[in-house]
């Protein structure tokens, strides 16, 4: 009994150390973002700013184009949700319709999940260049609209919806799109919530593809803007911390609000 209690104490202690190691850098980033630059390297360091200021955040929008980056990130996030709808449509087709080559096509979709994104970037870039879509917002958005992982997740979930429900709706005269919109999507709320979170996080953090496709700073996202911030104001650590906090905090808020769906998503997708 005593050994079990001692084991639990050690486990809790290790977990606390691990949690502190994870939280402290984030906490330090947020605190530093409210310090004036002159206070960042004070010895001994201050956990609570002596002269807290919002100047770093104001400077982000005055010295950098963070308003433009923020707008671009929101545009990408909004169109990503259109992609979510297309993924749901594809998942529904694979789950509930019979057509020639269905299984082979689905396995082909699954096979694309095994190809690293970096491998396809150059061919996709060349295709977009031929179409005249490089250095455009469409070129940034289009390649990420539909993804094999999203189709797979929707297909797996929608396969569990009773087919009798769909047949009953057909007997009542409902069209296929109406069935999808009024029956299938409401029944798929859990997987929709999960995919919405993944979609938002993916769009918010989009960095490499916008950096490759866009040459114009007016098309950059927040992540790319943060990289520019490091290059242009590498010596201003308080400003960099403000930029990092500005990028991360919305994701933390979304995670806190939808934590139970996020955990459920990890379970559904089998990424335990």
C-alpha atoms as a PDB file:
ATOM      1  CA  UNK A   1       0.000   0.000   0.000  1.00  0.00           C
ATOM      2  CA  UNK A   2       2.818   2.360   1.001  1.00  0.00           C
ATOM      3  CA  UNK A   3       4.718   1.484  -2.178  1.00  0.00           C
ATOM      4  CA  UNK A   4       1.645   2.314  -4.291  1.00  0.00           C
ATOM      5  CA  UNK A   5       1.283   5.672  -2.568  1.00  0.00           C
ATOM      6  CA  UNK A   6       4.989   6.430  -3.037  1.00  0.00           C
ATOM      7  CA  UNK A   7       4.698   5.485  -6.723  1.00  0.00           C
ATOM      8  CA  UNK A   8       1.720   7.831  -7.159  1.00  0.00           C
ATOM      9  CA  UNK A   9       3.636  10.682  -5.481  1.00  0.00           C
ATOM     10  CA  UNK A  10       6.546  10.193  -7.889  1.00  0.00           C
ATOM     11  CA  UNK A  11       4.205  10.090 -10.876  1.00  0.00           C
ATOM     12  CA  UNK A  12       2.450  13.298  -9.754  1.00  0.00           C
ATOM     13  CA  UNK A  13       5.825  14.950  -9.131  1.00  0.00           C
ATOM     14  CA  UNK A  14       7.078  14.006 -12.593  1.00  0.00           C
ATOM     15  CA  UNK A  15       3.848  15.234 -14.175  1.00  0.00           C
ATOM     16  CA  UNK A  16       4.147  18.562 -12.330  1.00  0.00           C
ATOM     17  CA  UNK A  17       7.746  18.973 -13.512  1.00  0.00           C
ATOM     18  CA  UNK A  18       6.687  18.132 -17.079  1.00  0.00           C
ATOM     19  CA  UNK A  19       3.740  20.562 -16.916  1.00  0.00           C
ATOM     20  CA  UNK A  20       5.984  23.338 -15.555  1.00  0.00           C
ATOM     21  CA  UNK A  21       8.534  22.699 -18.320  1.00  0.00           C
ATOM     22  CA  UNK A  22       5.753  23.053 -20.903  1.00  0.00           C
ATOM     23  CA  UNK A  23       3.976  26.065 -19.378  1.00  0.00           C
ATOM     24  CA  UNK A  24       6.934  28.220 -18.301  1.00  0.00           C
ATOM     25  CA  UNK A  25       8.210  29.108 -21.819  1.00  0.00           C
ATOM     26  CA  UNK A  26       4.669  30.093 -22.859  1.00  0.00           C
ATOM     27  CA  UNK A  27       4.169  32.115 -19.677  1.00  0.00           C
ATOM     28  CA  UNK A  28       7.558  33.801 -20.174  1.00  0.00           C
ATOM     29  CA  UNK A  29       6.591  34.695 -23.760  1.00  0.00           C
ATOM     30  CA  UNK A  30       3.313  36.335 -22.673  1.00  0.00           C
ATOM     31  CA  UNK A  31       4.924  38.207 -19.752  1.00  0.00           C
ATOM     32  CA  UNK A  32       7.820  39.447 -21.898  1.00  0.00           C
ATOM     33  CA  UNK A  33       5.391  40.722 -24.518  1.00  0.00           C
ATOM     34  CA  UNK A  34       4.119  43.255 -21.946  1.00  0.00           C
ATOM     35  CA  UNK A  35       7.598  44.448 -20.919  1.00  0.00           C
ATOM     36  CA  UNK A  36       9.462  47.421 -22.390  1.00  0.00           C
ATOM     37  CA  UNK A  37      12.569  46.321 -24.290  1.00  0.00           C
ATOM     38  CA  UNK A  38      14.843  47.827 -21.609  1.00  0.00           C
ATOM     39  CA  UNK A  39      13.362  45.448 -19.012  1.00  0.00           C
ATOM     40  CA  UNK A  40      13.684  42.224 -20.999  1.00  0.00           C
ATOM     41  CA  UNK A  41      17.300  41.525 -19.984  1.00  0.00           C
ATOM     42  CA  UNK A  42      17.117  42.801 -16.410  1.00  0.00           C
ATOM     43  CA  UNK A  43      19.166  40.817 -13.879  1.00  0.00           C
ATOM     44  CA  UNK A  44      17.540  39.319 -11.888  1.00  0.00           C
ATOM     45  CA  UNK A  45      14.713  38.748 -14.408  1.00  0.00           C
ATOM     46  CA  UNK A  46      11.243  39.964 -13.452  1.00  0.00           C
ATOM     47  CA  UNK A  47       8.301  37.591 -13.724  1.00  0.00           C
ATOM     48  CA  UNK A  48       5.808  40.448 -13.374  1.00  0.00           C
ATOM     49  CA  UNK A  49       6.659  43.503 -15.544  1.00  0.00           C
ATOM     50  CA  UNK A  50       7.634  46.572 -13.464  1.00  0.00           C
ATOM     51  CA  UNK A  51       6.328  48.874 -16.171  1.00  0.00           C
ATOM     52  CA  UNK A  52       3.708  46.849 -18.112  1.00  0.00           C
ATOM     53  CA  UNK A  53       2.959  48.224 -21.548  1.00  0.00           C
ATOM     54  CA  UNK A  54       0.859  47.459 -24.611  1.00  0.00           C
ATOM     55  CA  UNK A  55       3.415  49.320 -26.722  1.00  0.00           C
ATOM     56  CA  UNK A  56       4.831  46.137 -28.255  1.00  0.00           C
ATOM     57  CA  UNK A  57       1.404  45.109 -29.570  1.00  0.00           C
ATOM     58  CA  UNK A  58       0.732  48.633 -30.886  1.00  0.00           C
ATOM     59  CA  UNK A  59       4.160  48.629 -32.540  1.00  0.00           C
ATOM     60  CA  UNK A  60       3.304  45.357 -34.297  1.00  0.00           C
ATOM     61  CA  UNK A  61       0.560  47.108 -36.238  1.00  0.00           C
ATOM     62  CA  UNK A  62       2.471  50.349 -36.753  1.00  0.00           C
ATOM     63  CA  UNK A  63       5.864  48.986 -37.883  1.00  0.00           C
ATOM     64  CA  UNK A  64       4.667  45.778 -39.530  1.00  0.00           C
ATOM     65  CA  UNK A  65       1.682  44.994 -41.749  1.00  0.00           C
ATOM     66  CA  UNK A  66       0.030  42.831 -39.117  1.00  0.00           C
ATOM     67  CA  UNK A  67      -3.436  44.106 -40.089  1.00  0.00           C
ATOM     68  CA  UNK A  68      -2.847  42.769 -43.614  1.00  0.00           C
ATOM     69  CA  UNK A  69      -1.393  39.495 -42.299  1.00  0.00           C
ATOM     70  CA  UNK A  70      -4.357  39.087 -39.954  1.00  0.00           C
ATOM     71  CA  UNK A  71      -6.845  39.717 -42.776  1.00  0.00           C
ATOM     72  CA  UNK A  72      -5.077  37.201 -45.049  1.00  0.00           C
ATOM     73  CA  UNK A  73      -5.049  34.579 -42.299  1.00  0.00           C
ATOM     74  CA  UNK A  74      -8.780  35.060 -41.735  1.00  0.00           C
ATOM     75  CA  UNK A  75      -9.455  34.774 -45.492  1.00  0.00           C
ATOM     76  CA  UNK A  76      -7.514  31.486 -45.631  1.00  0.00           C
ATOM     77  CA  UNK A  77      -9.353  30.196 -42.539  1.00  0.00           C
ATOM     78  CA  UNK A  78     -12.774  31.088 -44.015  1.00  0.00           C
ATOM     79  CA  UNK A  79     -12.041  29.349 -47.321  1.00  0.00           C
ATOM     80  CA  UNK A  80     -10.669  26.359 -45.428  1.00  0.00           C
ATOM     81  CA  UNK A  81     -14.174  25.899 -44.055  1.00  0.00           C
ATOM     82  CA  UNK A  82     -15.442  25.736 -47.657  1.00  0.00           C
ATOM     83  CA  UNK A  83     -12.923  22.916 -48.089  1.00  0.00           C
ATOM     84  CA  UNK A  84     -14.394  21.296 -44.992  1.00  0.00           C
ATOM     85  CA  UNK A  85     -17.777  21.212 -46.755  1.00  0.00           C
ATOM     86  CA  UNK A  86     -16.198  19.624 -49.856  1.00  0.00           C
ATOM     87  CA  UNK A  87     -14.474  17.020 -47.679  1.00  0.00           C
ATOM     88  CA  UNK A  88     -17.835  16.195 -46.092  1.00  0.00           C
ATOM     89  CA  UNK A  89     -19.432  15.778 -49.534  1.00  0.00           C
ATOM     90  CA  UNK A  90     -16.644  13.421 -50.655  1.00  0.00           C
ATOM     91  CA  UNK A  91     -16.798  11.474 -47.393  1.00  0.00           C
ATOM     92  CA  UNK A  92     -20.569  11.080 -47.786  1.00  0.00           C
ATOM     93  CA  UNK A  93     -20.168   9.795 -51.358  1.00  0.00           C
ATOM     94  CA  UNK A  94     -17.601   7.204 -50.260  1.00  0.00           C
ATOM     95  CA  UNK A  95     -19.714   6.153 -47.270  1.00  0.00           C
ATOM     96  CA  UNK A  96     -23.198   5.851 -48.767  1.00  0.00           C
ATOM     97  CA  UNK A  97     -23.042   5.621 -52.570  1.00  0.00           C
ATOM     98  CA  UNK A  98     -22.078   2.729 -54.821  1.00  0.00           C
ATOM     99  CA  UNK A  99     -20.232   3.529 -58.043  1.00  0.00           C
ATOM    100  CA  UNK A 100     -17.667   1.739 -60.231  1.00  0.00           C
ATOM    101  CA  UNK A 101     -14.126   1.863 -58.861  1.00  0.00           C
ATOM    102  CA  UNK A 102     -15.277   3.215 -55.475  1.00  0.00           C
ATOM    103  CA  UNK A 103     -12.958   1.049 -53.371  1.00  0.00           C
ATOM    104  CA  UNK A 104      -9.931   1.631 -55.626  1.00  0.00           C
ATOM    105  CA  UNK A 105     -10.540   5.366 -55.656  1.00  0.00           C
ATOM    106  CA  UNK A 106     -10.846   5.444 -51.875  1.00  0.00           C
ATOM    107  CA  UNK A 107      -7.602   3.513 -51.438  1.00  0.00           C
ATOM    108  CA  UNK A 108      -5.978   5.963 -53.854  1.00  0.00           C
ATOM    109  CA  UNK A 109      -7.170   8.830 -51.662  1.00  0.00           C
ATOM    110  CA  UNK A 110      -5.764   7.053 -48.602  1.00  0.00           C
ATOM    111  CA  UNK A 111      -2.450   6.496 -50.390  1.00  0.00           C
ATOM    112  CA  UNK A 112      -2.006  10.253 -50.793  1.00  0.00           C
ATOM    113  CA  UNK A 113      -1.875  10.507 -46.994  1.00  0.00           C
ATOM    114  CA  UNK A 114       1.434   8.634 -47.085  1.00  0.00           C
ATOM    115  CA  UNK A 115       3.087  11.195 -49.360  1.00  0.00           C
ATOM    116  CA  UNK A 116       4.755  14.021 -47.407  1.00  0.00           C
ATOM    117  CA  UNK A 117       3.379  17.447 -48.287  1.00  0.00           C
ATOM    118  CA  UNK A 118       6.885  18.719 -49.087  1.00  0.00           C
ATOM    119  CA  UNK A 119       7.155  16.165 -51.936  1.00  0.00           C
ATOM    120  CA  UNK A 120       4.125  17.549 -53.772  1.00  0.00           C
ATOM    121  CA  UNK A 121       4.924  21.230 -53.254  1.00  0.00           C
ATOM    122  CA  UNK A 122       7.137  21.693 -56.324  1.00  0.00           C
ATOM    123  CA  UNK A 123       4.754  19.909 -58.785  1.00  0.00           C
ATOM    124  CA  UNK A 124       1.793  21.829 -57.361  1.00  0.00           C
ATOM    125  CA  UNK A 125       3.739  25.083 -57.617  1.00  0.00           C
ATOM    126  CA  UNK A 126       4.624  24.377 -61.264  1.00  0.00           C
ATOM    127  CA  UNK A 127       0.970  23.603 -62.066  1.00  0.00           C
ATOM    128  CA  UNK A 128      -0.216  26.803 -60.395  1.00  0.00           C
ATOM    129  CA  UNK A 129       2.493  28.749 -62.213  1.00  0.00           C
ATOM    130  CA  UNK A 130       1.240  27.399 -65.561  1.00  0.00           C
ATOM    131  CA  UNK A 131      -2.273  28.483 -64.572  1.00  0.00           C
ATOM    132  CA  UNK A 132      -1.052  31.954 -63.559  1.00  0.00           C
ATOM    133  CA  UNK A 133      -2.108  31.488 -59.952  1.00  0.00           C
ATOM    134  CA  UNK A 134       1.225  31.969 -58.204  1.00  0.00           C
ATOM    135  CA  UNK A 135       1.464  35.092 -56.086  1.00  0.00           C
ATOM    136  CA  UNK A 136      -2.324  35.163 -55.726  1.00  0.00           C
ATOM    137  CA  UNK A 137      -4.639  34.398 -52.818  1.00  0.00           C
ATOM    138  CA  UNK A 138      -6.326  31.705 -54.941  1.00  0.00           C
ATOM    139  CA  UNK A 139      -2.954  30.000 -55.354  1.00  0.00           C
ATOM    140  CA  UNK A 140      -2.509  29.940 -51.584  1.00  0.00           C
ATOM    141  CA  UNK A 141      -6.008  28.652 -50.865  1.00  0.00           C
ATOM    142  CA  UNK A 142      -6.823  26.148 -53.623  1.00  0.00           C
ATOM    143  CA  UNK A 143      -4.235  23.380 -52.928  1.00  0.00           C
ATOM    144  CA  UNK A 144      -5.363  23.102 -49.319  1.00  0.00           C
ATOM    145  CA  UNK A 145      -9.110  23.072 -49.912  1.00  0.00           C
ATOM    146  CA  UNK A 146      -9.551  19.277 -49.937  1.00  0.00           C
ATOM    147  CA  UNK A 147      -7.485  16.769 -47.997  1.00  0.00           C
ATOM    148  CA  UNK A 148      -7.376  12.980 -47.794  1.00  0.00           C
ATOM    149  CA  UNK A 149      -7.398  13.003 -43.990  1.00  0.00           C
ATOM    150  CA  UNK A 150     -10.638  15.012 -43.869  1.00  0.00           C
ATOM    151  CA  UNK A 151     -12.320  12.770 -46.457  1.00  0.00           C
ATOM    152  CA  UNK A 152     -11.240   9.675 -44.539  1.00  0.00           C
ATOM    153  CA  UNK A 153     -12.538  11.040 -41.229  1.00  0.00           C
ATOM    154  CA  UNK A 154     -15.930  12.021 -42.690  1.00  0.00           C
ATOM    155  CA  UNK A 155     -16.247   8.713 -44.527  1.00  0.00           C
ATOM    156  CA  UNK A 156     -15.570   6.703 -41.373  1.00  0.00           C
ATOM    157  CA  UNK A 157     -18.114   8.674 -39.354  1.00  0.00           C
ATOM    158  CA  UNK A 158     -20.841   8.860 -42.001  1.00  0.00           C
ATOM    159  CA  UNK A 159     -20.625   5.112 -42.611  1.00  0.00           C
ATOM    160  CA  UNK A 160     -22.099   4.690 -39.110  1.00  0.00           C
ATOM    161  CA  UNK A 161     -25.249   6.715 -39.968  1.00  0.00           C
ATOM    162  CA  UNK A 162     -28.126   4.249 -40.660  1.00  0.00           C
ATOM    163  CA  UNK A 163     -28.806   3.875 -44.387  1.00  0.00           C
ATOM    164  CA  UNK A 164     -32.512   3.361 -43.560  1.00  0.00           C
ATOM    165  CA  UNK A 165     -32.648   7.021 -42.512  1.00  0.00           C
ATOM    166  CA  UNK A 166     -31.487   8.092 -45.975  1.00  0.00           C
ATOM    167  CA  UNK A 167     -33.855   5.690 -47.760  1.00  0.00           C
ATOM    168  CA  UNK A 168     -36.803   6.965 -45.699  1.00  0.00           C
ATOM    169  CA  UNK A 169     -35.969  10.519 -46.735  1.00  0.00           C
ATOM    170  CA  UNK A 170     -35.791   9.454 -50.385  1.00  0.00           C
ATOM    171  CA  UNK A 171     -39.225   7.809 -50.096  1.00  0.00           C
ATOM    172  CA  UNK A 172     -40.544  11.107 -48.746  1.00  0.00           C
ATOM    173  CA  UNK A 173     -39.302  12.804 -51.929  1.00  0.00           C
ATOM    174  CA  UNK A 174     -36.184  14.508 -50.566  1.00  0.00           C
ATOM    175  CA  UNK A 175     -33.414  15.175 -53.106  1.00  0.00           C
ATOM    176  CA  UNK A 176     -29.861  13.983 -52.548  1.00  0.00           C
ATOM    177  CA  UNK A 177     -28.468  17.397 -51.639  1.00  0.00           C
ATOM    178  CA  UNK A 178     -31.364  18.062 -49.256  1.00  0.00           C
ATOM    179  CA  UNK A 179     -30.680  14.718 -47.548  1.00  0.00           C
ATOM    180  CA  UNK A 180     -27.034  15.652 -47.191  1.00  0.00           C
ATOM    181  CA  UNK A 181     -27.782  19.145 -45.918  1.00  0.00           C
ATOM    182  CA  UNK A 182     -30.722  18.460 -43.599  1.00  0.00           C
ATOM    183  CA  UNK A 183     -29.967  14.925 -42.375  1.00  0.00           C
ATOM    184  CA  UNK A 184     -26.350  13.908 -42.852  1.00  0.00           C
ATOM    185  CA  UNK A 185     -24.640  17.144 -41.783  1.00  0.00           C
ATOM    186  CA  UNK A 186     -26.705  17.579 -38.560  1.00  0.00           C
ATOM    187  CA  UNK A 187     -25.985  13.936 -37.693  1.00  0.00           C
ATOM    188  CA  UNK A 188     -22.281  14.570 -38.267  1.00  0.00           C
ATOM    189  CA  UNK A 189     -21.904  17.405 -35.748  1.00  0.00           C
ATOM    190  CA  UNK A 190     -19.165  15.680 -33.682  1.00  0.00           C
ATOM    191  CA  UNK A 191     -16.879  15.049 -36.646  1.00  0.00           C
ATOM    192  CA  UNK A 192     -17.710  18.489 -38.076  1.00  0.00           C
ATOM    193  CA  UNK A 193     -16.646  20.104 -34.809  1.00  0.00           C
ATOM    194  CA  UNK A 194     -13.435  18.080 -34.759  1.00  0.00           C
ATOM    195  CA  UNK A 195     -12.577  18.890 -38.342  1.00  0.00           C
ATOM    196  CA  UNK A 196     -13.443  22.564 -37.815  1.00  0.00           C
ATOM    197  CA  UNK A 197     -10.837  22.777 -35.050  1.00  0.00           C
ATOM    198  CA  UNK A 198      -8.176  21.020 -37.122  1.00  0.00           C
ATOM    199  CA  UNK A 199      -9.055  23.245 -40.097  1.00  0.00           C
ATOM    200  CA  UNK A 200      -8.824  26.459 -38.083  1.00  0.00           C
ATOM    201  CA  UNK A 201      -5.506  25.505 -36.497  1.00  0.00           C
ATOM    202  CA  UNK A 202      -4.075  24.452 -39.874  1.00  0.00           C
ATOM    203  CA  UNK A 203      -5.196  27.671 -41.564  1.00  0.00           C
ATOM    204  CA  UNK A 204      -4.052  29.900 -38.701  1.00  0.00           C
ATOM    205  CA  UNK A 205      -0.582  28.326 -38.681  1.00  0.00           C
ATOM    206  CA  UNK A 206      -0.168  28.248 -42.484  1.00  0.00           C
ATOM    207  CA  UNK A 207       3.418  29.250 -43.143  1.00  0.00           C
ATOM    208  CA  UNK A 208       5.430  27.285 -45.688  1.00  0.00           C
ATOM    209  CA  UNK A 209       2.991  27.267 -48.616  1.00  0.00           C
ATOM    210  CA  UNK A 210       2.136  31.011 -48.470  1.00  0.00           C
ATOM    211  CA  UNK A 211       5.867  31.736 -48.187  1.00  0.00           C
ATOM    212  CA  UNK A 212       6.587  29.677 -51.333  1.00  0.00           C
ATOM    213  CA  UNK A 213       3.674  30.825 -53.503  1.00  0.00           C
ATOM    214  CA  UNK A 214       3.490  34.503 -52.556  1.00  0.00           C
ATOM    215  CA  UNK A 215       6.190  37.022 -53.400  1.00  0.00           C
ATOM    216  CA  UNK A 216       4.057  39.996 -52.454  1.00  0.00           C
ATOM    217  CA  UNK A 217       4.104  40.910 -48.768  1.00  0.00           C
ATOM    218  CA  UNK A 218       0.430  41.872 -49.056  1.00  0.00           C
ATOM    219  CA  UNK A 219      -0.403  38.137 -49.357  1.00  0.00           C
ATOM    220  CA  UNK A 220       1.568  36.954 -46.334  1.00  0.00           C
ATOM    221  CA  UNK A 221      -0.071  35.320 -43.314  1.00  0.00           C
ATOM    222  CA  UNK A 222       0.567  35.931 -39.623  1.00  0.00           C
ATOM    223  CA  UNK A 223       3.088  33.070 -39.432  1.00  0.00           C
ATOM    224  CA  UNK A 224       5.068  34.487 -42.347  1.00  0.00           C
ATOM    225  CA  UNK A 225       4.792  37.955 -40.790  1.00  0.00           C
ATOM    226  CA  UNK A 226       6.255  36.573 -37.582  1.00  0.00           C
ATOM    227  CA  UNK A 227       9.232  35.186 -39.522  1.00  0.00           C
ATOM    228  CA  UNK A 228       9.706  38.628 -41.139  1.00  0.00           C
ATOM    229  CA  UNK A 229       9.530  40.195 -37.688  1.00  0.00           C
ATOM    230  CA  UNK A 230      12.432  38.016 -36.560  1.00  0.00           C
ATOM    231  CA  UNK A 231      14.454  39.090 -39.585  1.00  0.00           C
ATOM    232  CA  UNK A 232      13.696  42.821 -39.460  1.00  0.00           C
ATOM    233  CA  UNK A 233      13.576  43.303 -35.684  1.00  0.00           C
ATOM    234  CA  UNK A 234      15.792  40.439 -34.520  1.00  0.00           C
ATOM    235  CA  UNK A 235      17.221  42.506 -31.671  1.00  0.00           C
ATOM    236  CA  UNK A 236      13.828  43.562 -30.277  1.00  0.00           C
ATOM    237  CA  UNK A 237      12.860  40.520 -28.226  1.00  0.00           C
ATOM    238  CA  UNK A 238       9.835  42.133 -26.549  1.00  0.00           C
ATOM    239  CA  UNK A 239       8.355  42.881 -29.992  1.00  0.00           C
ATOM    240  CA  UNK A 240       9.020  39.320 -31.147  1.00  0.00           C
ATOM    241  CA  UNK A 241       7.357  37.918 -28.030  1.00  0.00           C
ATOM    242  CA  UNK A 242       4.323  40.142 -28.670  1.00  0.00           C
ATOM    243  CA  UNK A 243       4.113  38.796 -32.230  1.00  0.00           C
ATOM    244  CA  UNK A 244       4.404  35.201 -31.032  1.00  0.00           C
ATOM    245  CA  UNK A 245       1.750  35.718 -28.344  1.00  0.00           C
ATOM    246  CA  UNK A 246      -0.561  37.389 -30.873  1.00  0.00           C
ATOM    247  CA  UNK A 247      -0.227  34.324 -33.100  1.00  0.00           C
ATOM    248  CA  UNK A 248      -0.657  31.699 -30.399  1.00  0.00           C
ATOM    249  CA  UNK A 249      -3.335  33.106 -28.089  1.00  0.00           C
ATOM    250  CA  UNK A 250      -6.318  32.673 -30.529  1.00  0.00           C
ATOM    251  CA  UNK A 251      -5.425  28.983 -30.886  1.00  0.00           C
ATOM    252  CA  UNK A 252      -5.265  28.600 -27.098  1.00  0.00           C
ATOM    253  CA  UNK A 253      -8.721  30.221 -26.809  1.00  0.00           C
ATOM    254  CA  UNK A 254     -10.182  27.938 -29.506  1.00  0.00           C
ATOM    255  CA  UNK A 255      -8.625  24.914 -27.803  1.00  0.00           C
ATOM    256  CA  UNK A 256     -10.040  25.863 -24.382  1.00  0.00           C
ATOM    257  CA  UNK A 257     -13.547  26.354 -25.808  1.00  0.00           C
ATOM    258  CA  UNK A 258     -13.568  23.139 -27.845  1.00  0.00           C
ATOM    259  CA  UNK A 259     -11.269  20.986 -25.722  1.00  0.00           C
ATOM    260  CA  UNK A 260     -13.713  18.079 -25.404  1.00  0.00           C
ATOM    261  CA  UNK A 261     -14.241  17.970 -29.182  1.00  0.00           C
ATOM    262  CA  UNK A 262     -10.492  18.138 -29.741  1.00  0.00           C
ATOM    263  CA  UNK A 263      -9.892  15.150 -27.449  1.00  0.00           C
ATOM    264  CA  UNK A 264     -12.750  13.335 -29.174  1.00  0.00           C
ATOM    265  CA  UNK A 265     -11.135  14.084 -32.518  1.00  0.00           C
ATOM    266  CA  UNK A 266      -7.866  12.582 -31.408  1.00  0.00           C
ATOM    267  CA  UNK A 267      -9.826   9.469 -30.400  1.00  0.00           C
ATOM    268  CA  UNK A 268     -11.800   9.278 -33.669  1.00  0.00           C
ATOM    269  CA  UNK A 269      -8.739   9.759 -35.826  1.00  0.00           C
ATOM    270  CA  UNK A 270      -6.798   7.139 -33.853  1.00  0.00           C
ATOM    271  CA  UNK A 271      -3.886   9.506 -33.091  1.00  0.00           C
ATOM    272  CA  UNK A 272      -3.672   8.512 -29.415  1.00  0.00           C
END
